[in-house]
Protein backbone atom coordinates (compact mmCIF):
# COMPACT_ATOMS: atom_id res chain seq x y z
CA MET A 1 -108.35 -44.46 24.82
CA LEU A 2 -111.55 -42.49 24.33
CA LYS A 3 -114.38 -44.38 22.66
CA ASN A 4 -116.28 -42.52 19.96
CA ALA A 5 -119.54 -44.45 20.31
CA ARG A 6 -122.10 -43.52 22.97
CA PRO A 7 -125.54 -44.98 23.75
CA ASP A 8 -127.14 -41.53 23.29
CA GLY A 9 -125.35 -39.93 20.36
CA SER A 10 -122.79 -39.94 17.57
CA PRO A 11 -119.66 -37.76 17.22
CA ILE A 12 -119.88 -34.94 14.69
CA LYS A 13 -117.45 -32.57 13.01
CA VAL A 14 -117.83 -28.85 13.74
CA PRO A 15 -116.06 -25.73 12.44
CA GLY A 16 -112.71 -24.84 13.99
CA PHE A 17 -113.95 -21.93 16.08
CA THR A 18 -116.84 -24.02 17.44
CA LYS A 19 -114.42 -26.84 18.22
CA ILE A 20 -112.34 -24.67 20.55
CA MET A 21 -115.36 -23.26 22.43
CA PRO A 22 -115.32 -25.96 25.17
CA MET A 23 -111.66 -25.13 25.84
CA VAL A 24 -112.17 -21.37 26.10
CA SER A 25 -115.66 -21.21 27.62
CA GLY A 26 -115.25 -23.70 30.46
CA SER A 27 -118.03 -25.89 31.80
CA ARG A 28 -121.67 -26.06 30.73
CA THR A 29 -122.79 -23.83 33.59
CA GLN A 30 -120.06 -21.31 32.78
CA SER A 31 -121.32 -21.24 29.19
CA THR A 32 -125.01 -20.71 29.94
CA ILE A 33 -126.89 -18.10 27.91
CA PHE A 34 -130.36 -16.92 29.04
CA PHE A 35 -133.27 -15.84 26.83
CA GLU A 36 -136.51 -14.39 28.14
CA GLN A 37 -139.62 -14.75 26.00
CA ASP A 38 -143.27 -13.74 26.48
CA LEU A 39 -145.96 -16.05 25.14
CA TYR A 40 -149.40 -14.53 24.46
CA LEU A 41 -151.97 -17.20 25.16
CA ASP A 42 -155.53 -15.95 24.54
CA LYS A 43 -155.82 -18.00 21.36
CA THR A 44 -153.98 -20.90 22.98
CA MET A 45 -156.25 -21.08 26.03
CA ASP A 46 -159.34 -21.05 23.81
CA PHE A 47 -157.81 -23.87 21.76
CA ILE A 48 -157.08 -25.94 24.89
CA LYS A 49 -160.65 -25.48 26.14
CA GLU A 50 -162.12 -26.73 22.85
CA TYR A 51 -159.59 -29.55 22.47
CA ASN A 52 -160.35 -30.95 25.91
CA LYS A 53 -164.02 -31.27 25.05
CA THR A 54 -163.22 -33.95 22.47
CA ARG A 55 -159.87 -35.37 23.60
CA LYS A 56 -159.40 -39.14 23.53
CA GLU A 57 -161.02 -40.88 26.49
CA GLY A 58 -158.47 -41.75 29.17
CA ASN A 59 -155.97 -39.09 28.12
CA ARG A 60 -155.00 -36.33 30.51
CA ARG A 61 -156.36 -32.86 29.88
CA LEU A 62 -154.30 -30.91 27.39
CA SER A 63 -152.28 -28.09 28.98
CA VAL A 64 -149.92 -25.30 27.97
CA PHE A 65 -147.12 -27.48 29.34
CA GLN A 66 -147.95 -30.23 26.84
CA LEU A 67 -148.16 -27.72 23.99
CA VAL A 68 -144.68 -26.49 24.89
CA ILE A 69 -143.44 -30.10 24.71
CA ALA A 70 -145.01 -30.50 21.26
CA ALA A 71 -143.57 -27.15 20.16
CA ILE A 72 -140.08 -28.23 21.24
CA GLY A 73 -140.33 -31.21 18.90
CA ARG A 74 -141.38 -28.96 16.00
CA ALA A 75 -138.55 -26.51 16.77
CA LEU A 76 -135.97 -29.32 16.69
CA ILE A 77 -137.13 -30.29 13.20
CA GLU A 78 -136.42 -26.73 12.06
CA LYS A 79 -133.22 -26.37 14.09
CA PRO A 80 -131.68 -29.85 14.54
CA LYS A 81 -128.36 -28.46 15.79
CA MET A 82 -130.17 -27.69 19.06
CA ASN A 83 -130.19 -31.47 19.59
CA ARG A 84 -126.41 -31.57 19.96
CA PHE A 85 -124.42 -31.86 23.16
CA VAL A 86 -120.87 -31.38 24.36
CA ILE A 87 -119.12 -33.83 26.66
CA ASN A 88 -115.39 -33.96 27.43
CA SER A 89 -114.91 -31.06 24.98
CA ARG A 90 -116.29 -33.14 22.08
CA TYR A 91 -119.45 -32.61 20.02
CA TYR A 92 -122.21 -35.16 19.45
CA GLN A 93 -125.56 -35.29 17.71
CA ARG A 94 -128.11 -36.78 20.11
CA ASN A 95 -129.77 -39.91 18.70
CA HIS A 96 -133.17 -39.14 20.26
CA MET A 97 -135.40 -36.14 20.93
CA SER A 98 -136.67 -35.98 24.50
CA VAL A 99 -137.86 -33.78 27.33
CA ALA A 100 -137.36 -34.34 31.04
CA PHE A 101 -139.19 -32.86 34.00
CA VAL A 102 -139.91 -33.54 37.66
CA THR A 103 -143.42 -34.41 38.83
CA LYS A 104 -144.96 -35.39 42.14
CA THR A 105 -146.64 -38.75 42.66
CA SER A 106 -149.63 -36.87 44.16
CA LEU A 107 -150.82 -33.31 44.76
CA ASN A 108 -149.22 -33.07 48.17
CA GLU A 109 -146.23 -30.96 49.14
CA ASP A 110 -144.74 -33.96 50.98
CA ALA A 111 -145.28 -36.33 48.05
CA GLU A 112 -142.28 -37.95 46.40
CA GLU A 113 -140.75 -36.16 43.43
CA VAL A 114 -139.86 -38.37 40.46
CA ASN A 115 -138.17 -37.73 37.14
CA VAL A 116 -139.96 -38.27 33.84
CA MET A 117 -138.26 -38.58 30.45
CA ILE A 118 -140.60 -38.41 27.46
CA PRO A 119 -139.28 -39.24 23.98
CA LEU A 120 -140.46 -37.18 21.03
CA GLU A 121 -140.89 -38.22 17.40
CA PRO A 122 -140.42 -36.12 14.24
CA LEU A 123 -144.01 -36.77 13.11
CA ASP A 124 -145.61 -35.96 16.45
CA THR A 125 -148.89 -34.07 16.63
CA ILE A 126 -150.74 -32.64 19.60
CA ASP A 127 -152.71 -35.90 19.77
CA THR A 128 -149.62 -38.13 19.93
CA VAL A 129 -147.90 -35.88 22.48
CA ASN A 130 -151.03 -35.80 24.65
CA GLU A 131 -151.30 -39.59 24.48
CA ARG A 132 -147.61 -40.19 25.24
CA PHE A 133 -147.64 -37.61 28.06
CA THR A 134 -150.59 -39.46 29.59
CA GLN A 135 -148.85 -42.82 29.22
CA TYR A 136 -145.57 -41.73 30.80
CA VAL A 137 -147.02 -39.65 33.66
CA ASP A 138 -149.60 -42.31 34.52
CA ASN A 139 -146.81 -44.90 34.50
CA ILE A 140 -144.83 -42.82 37.00
CA LYS A 141 -147.80 -42.27 39.29
CA ALA A 142 -148.50 -46.03 39.20
CA GLY A 143 -144.99 -46.72 40.46
CA GLY A 144 -143.21 -47.29 37.14
CA SER A 145 -140.37 -45.28 35.66
CA ASN A 146 -138.17 -44.95 32.59
CA THR A 147 -135.36 -43.49 34.69
CA SER A 148 -133.85 -45.33 37.61
CA ASN A 149 -135.31 -43.34 40.49
CA SER A 150 -134.79 -46.38 42.72
CA THR A 151 -131.05 -46.28 41.97
CA VAL A 152 -130.88 -42.64 43.00
CA ASP A 153 -132.92 -43.37 46.13
CA VAL A 154 -130.29 -45.89 47.24
CA MET A 155 -127.70 -43.11 47.16
CA ALA A 156 -129.54 -41.33 49.99
CA HIS A 157 -128.21 -44.03 52.31
CA VAL A 158 -124.59 -43.87 51.08
CA PRO A 159 -122.03 -41.88 53.14
CA VAL A 160 -121.01 -38.58 51.53
CA PHE A 161 -117.35 -39.53 51.01
CA LEU A 162 -118.36 -42.72 49.24
CA LEU A 163 -121.07 -40.94 47.24
CA ASN A 164 -118.47 -38.44 46.01
CA LEU A 165 -116.32 -41.32 44.86
CA VAL A 166 -119.22 -43.03 43.07
CA ILE A 167 -120.25 -39.83 41.26
CA ASN A 168 -116.67 -39.00 40.30
CA VAL A 169 -116.16 -42.48 38.87
CA TYR A 170 -119.47 -42.27 37.01
CA CYS A 171 -118.56 -38.87 35.52
CA PHE A 172 -115.17 -40.23 34.43
CA LEU A 173 -116.87 -43.14 32.66
CA ASP A 174 -119.43 -40.78 31.11
CA ASN A 175 -116.76 -38.37 29.86
CA HIS A 176 -114.90 -41.25 28.24
CA ASN A 177 -118.01 -42.82 26.68
CA LEU A 178 -117.79 -45.91 28.87
CA VAL A 179 -121.35 -45.69 30.20
CA THR A 180 -124.11 -48.09 29.21
CA ALA A 181 -127.69 -47.24 28.31
CA GLY A 182 -128.80 -48.56 31.71
CA MET A 183 -126.36 -46.25 33.48
CA LEU A 184 -127.71 -43.24 31.58
CA ARG A 185 -131.22 -44.10 32.79
CA ALA A 186 -130.06 -43.59 36.39
CA PHE A 187 -130.06 -39.80 35.99
CA PRO A 188 -132.41 -37.29 34.31
CA PHE A 189 -129.61 -35.21 32.76
CA TYR A 190 -129.56 -36.75 29.27
CA SER A 191 -132.63 -35.20 27.64
CA THR A 192 -132.65 -32.66 24.84
CA VAL A 193 -134.58 -30.21 27.03
CA PHE A 194 -135.19 -30.16 30.78
CA LEU A 195 -138.47 -28.45 31.68
CA ALA A 196 -139.65 -26.82 34.88
CA ASN A 197 -143.31 -25.80 35.11
CA LEU A 198 -143.28 -23.24 37.92
CA GLY A 199 -146.68 -21.95 36.86
CA SER A 200 -148.20 -25.16 38.24
CA VAL A 201 -147.19 -24.02 41.74
CA GLN A 202 -148.24 -20.39 41.12
CA LEU A 203 -144.70 -19.08 40.61
CA ASP A 204 -143.10 -17.17 37.77
CA SER A 205 -140.26 -18.57 35.67
CA PRO A 206 -136.74 -18.36 37.17
CA PHE A 207 -133.38 -18.03 35.45
CA HIS A 208 -132.35 -21.64 35.93
CA HIS A 209 -128.83 -23.01 35.71
CA LEU A 210 -127.76 -25.95 33.55
CA PHE A 211 -126.26 -29.15 34.97
CA ASP A 212 -122.60 -29.97 34.36
CA MET A 213 -123.36 -33.65 34.83
CA GLY A 214 -124.79 -35.48 31.82
CA THR A 215 -125.44 -34.03 28.36
CA ASN A 216 -128.52 -31.83 28.76
CA GLY A 217 -127.72 -28.40 27.35
CA ILE A 218 -131.14 -26.72 27.31
CA PHE A 219 -133.38 -25.78 30.25
CA LEU A 220 -136.79 -24.21 29.75
CA ALA A 221 -138.64 -22.70 32.73
CA LEU A 222 -142.36 -21.94 32.37
CA GLY A 223 -144.04 -19.34 34.53
CA LEU A 224 -147.52 -18.41 35.64
CA VAL A 225 -150.21 -17.46 33.11
CA LYS A 226 -151.14 -13.86 33.95
CA LYS A 227 -153.47 -11.18 32.63
CA GLU A 228 -151.69 -8.15 31.20
CA THR A 229 -153.12 -4.76 30.30
CA TYR A 230 -151.62 -3.27 27.14
CA ILE A 231 -152.20 -0.43 24.68
CA ALA A 232 -153.64 -1.71 21.40
CA ASP A 233 -152.78 -0.24 18.00
CA ASP A 234 -155.94 1.91 18.11
CA GLY A 235 -154.86 3.44 21.44
CA SER A 236 -157.40 1.56 23.57
CA LEU A 237 -156.56 -0.44 26.68
CA LYS A 238 -157.01 -4.19 26.37
CA THR A 239 -156.09 -7.28 28.37
CA ARG A 240 -154.42 -10.48 27.25
CA LYS A 241 -153.08 -13.67 28.82
CA LYS A 242 -149.32 -13.91 28.99
CA MET A 243 -146.76 -16.41 30.24
CA LYS A 244 -143.04 -15.76 30.54
CA ILE A 245 -140.57 -18.50 29.69
CA ILE A 246 -136.84 -18.45 30.43
CA PHE A 247 -134.60 -20.39 28.08
CA SER A 248 -131.14 -21.39 29.36
CA TYR A 249 -128.81 -23.06 26.90
CA ASP A 250 -125.20 -24.15 26.48
CA ASP A 251 -123.59 -21.50 24.28
CA ARG A 252 -120.97 -24.02 23.15
CA ILE A 253 -123.61 -26.01 21.22
CA ILE A 254 -124.60 -23.31 18.74
CA ASP A 255 -124.61 -19.53 18.38
CA GLY A 256 -127.31 -17.27 19.80
CA PHE A 257 -128.70 -16.34 16.36
CA TYR A 258 -129.54 -19.99 15.64
CA ALA A 259 -130.84 -20.62 19.17
CA GLY A 260 -132.97 -17.46 19.00
CA LYS A 261 -134.74 -18.81 15.91
CA ALA A 262 -135.48 -22.04 17.79
CA ILE A 263 -137.08 -20.03 20.59
CA LYS A 264 -139.18 -18.10 18.07
CA ALA A 265 -140.34 -21.41 16.58
CA ILE A 266 -141.49 -22.59 20.03
CA LYS A 267 -143.32 -19.30 20.59
CA ARG A 268 -145.00 -19.45 17.16
CA ASN A 269 -146.32 -22.97 17.70
CA VAL A 270 -147.52 -22.46 21.27
CA GLU A 271 -149.36 -19.28 20.29
CA ASN A 272 -150.83 -21.02 17.22
CA PRO A 273 -151.39 -24.61 18.40
CA GLU A 274 -153.56 -25.49 15.40
CA LEU A 275 -150.27 -25.67 13.46
CA MET A 276 -149.45 -28.83 15.42
CA LEU A 277 -152.72 -30.68 14.86
CA ASN A 278 -151.36 -32.42 11.75
CA LYS A 279 -148.06 -34.16 11.09
CA PRO A 280 -145.33 -31.78 9.98
CA GLU A 281 -144.09 -31.82 6.41
CA ILE A 282 -140.57 -33.11 6.88
CA THR A 283 -137.97 -34.14 4.32
CA ASP A 284 -135.62 -37.13 4.45
CA GLU A 285 -132.76 -34.65 4.81
CA GLN A 286 -134.36 -33.16 7.92
CA ILE A 287 -134.84 -36.64 9.38
CA ARG A 288 -131.15 -37.42 8.85
CA ALA A 289 -130.12 -34.08 10.36
CA LEU A 290 -131.98 -34.93 13.57
CA GLY A 291 -129.76 -37.99 14.00
CA ILE A 292 -132.51 -40.14 15.53
CA THR A 293 -131.84 -43.90 15.58
CA GLU A 294 -133.78 -46.95 16.76
CA LYS A 295 -131.23 -47.32 19.56
CA GLY A 296 -131.95 -43.76 20.63
CA ARG A 297 -135.71 -44.28 20.48
CA LYS A 298 -135.44 -47.22 22.88
CA LEU A 299 -133.19 -45.43 25.37
CA PHE A 300 -135.97 -43.92 27.48
CA ALA A 301 -138.94 -45.93 26.26
CA ILE A 302 -141.20 -47.62 28.80
């Protein structure tokens, strides 16, 4: 018998047409929708330069990547249905807000890649995101982790036939809500948003697939910050800094109109980062809609 309770979310009721989407659309990867969005960053880069002059001692330098993380949190407040997921054709509201990404333990192409999961809070500001980003990334580079990278490393030594069996059993347990919080921490596929910062390696943003394993239904790929020449309203030629982001999301979660507004919210806040300096004005109803619980907050805490 399928359990309703999960360590990372609660079951929700959805309209009839939405309910049948997992049956007619297939898997998460088969249901992926892609959005391409340009971010104009002249104002943003000036903000980052000034912010870093007075940032808290010990914190990492603020970056566009961190502003995108903060903007994701603000967008989820406005559009909490983006924090839903589908597993085994059933809908759940995630009980935490989080982003996941891969980082290297050092600036070396042969350095180990590790997964980072950073929780977000409804009342986050740029300061709190910068501080938490520093805490979690420094923890990883010091050998710690809030996902079980060591568990995954063990799998490198397991024969393929046995590994297939292990993964199939795990997916069965996951689909039937029989996984524990510790088991979820073994893989990075349970965040609200998975991020890839290709600009950090001087590449543009790709159209990235989603993962059928886990519950992550949103992937956001960041590209290289470039200078672009454009024609201004007065007919003159000007230059501006631009970054392209590609947003991949599970169409079964919510319709494109709703998701498009979430993307616009991210764009608005990254291009106007001063909007995120103070805590957002958020109602009790918005807090409830997010579905965040203490259990969820602790899931990927370090």
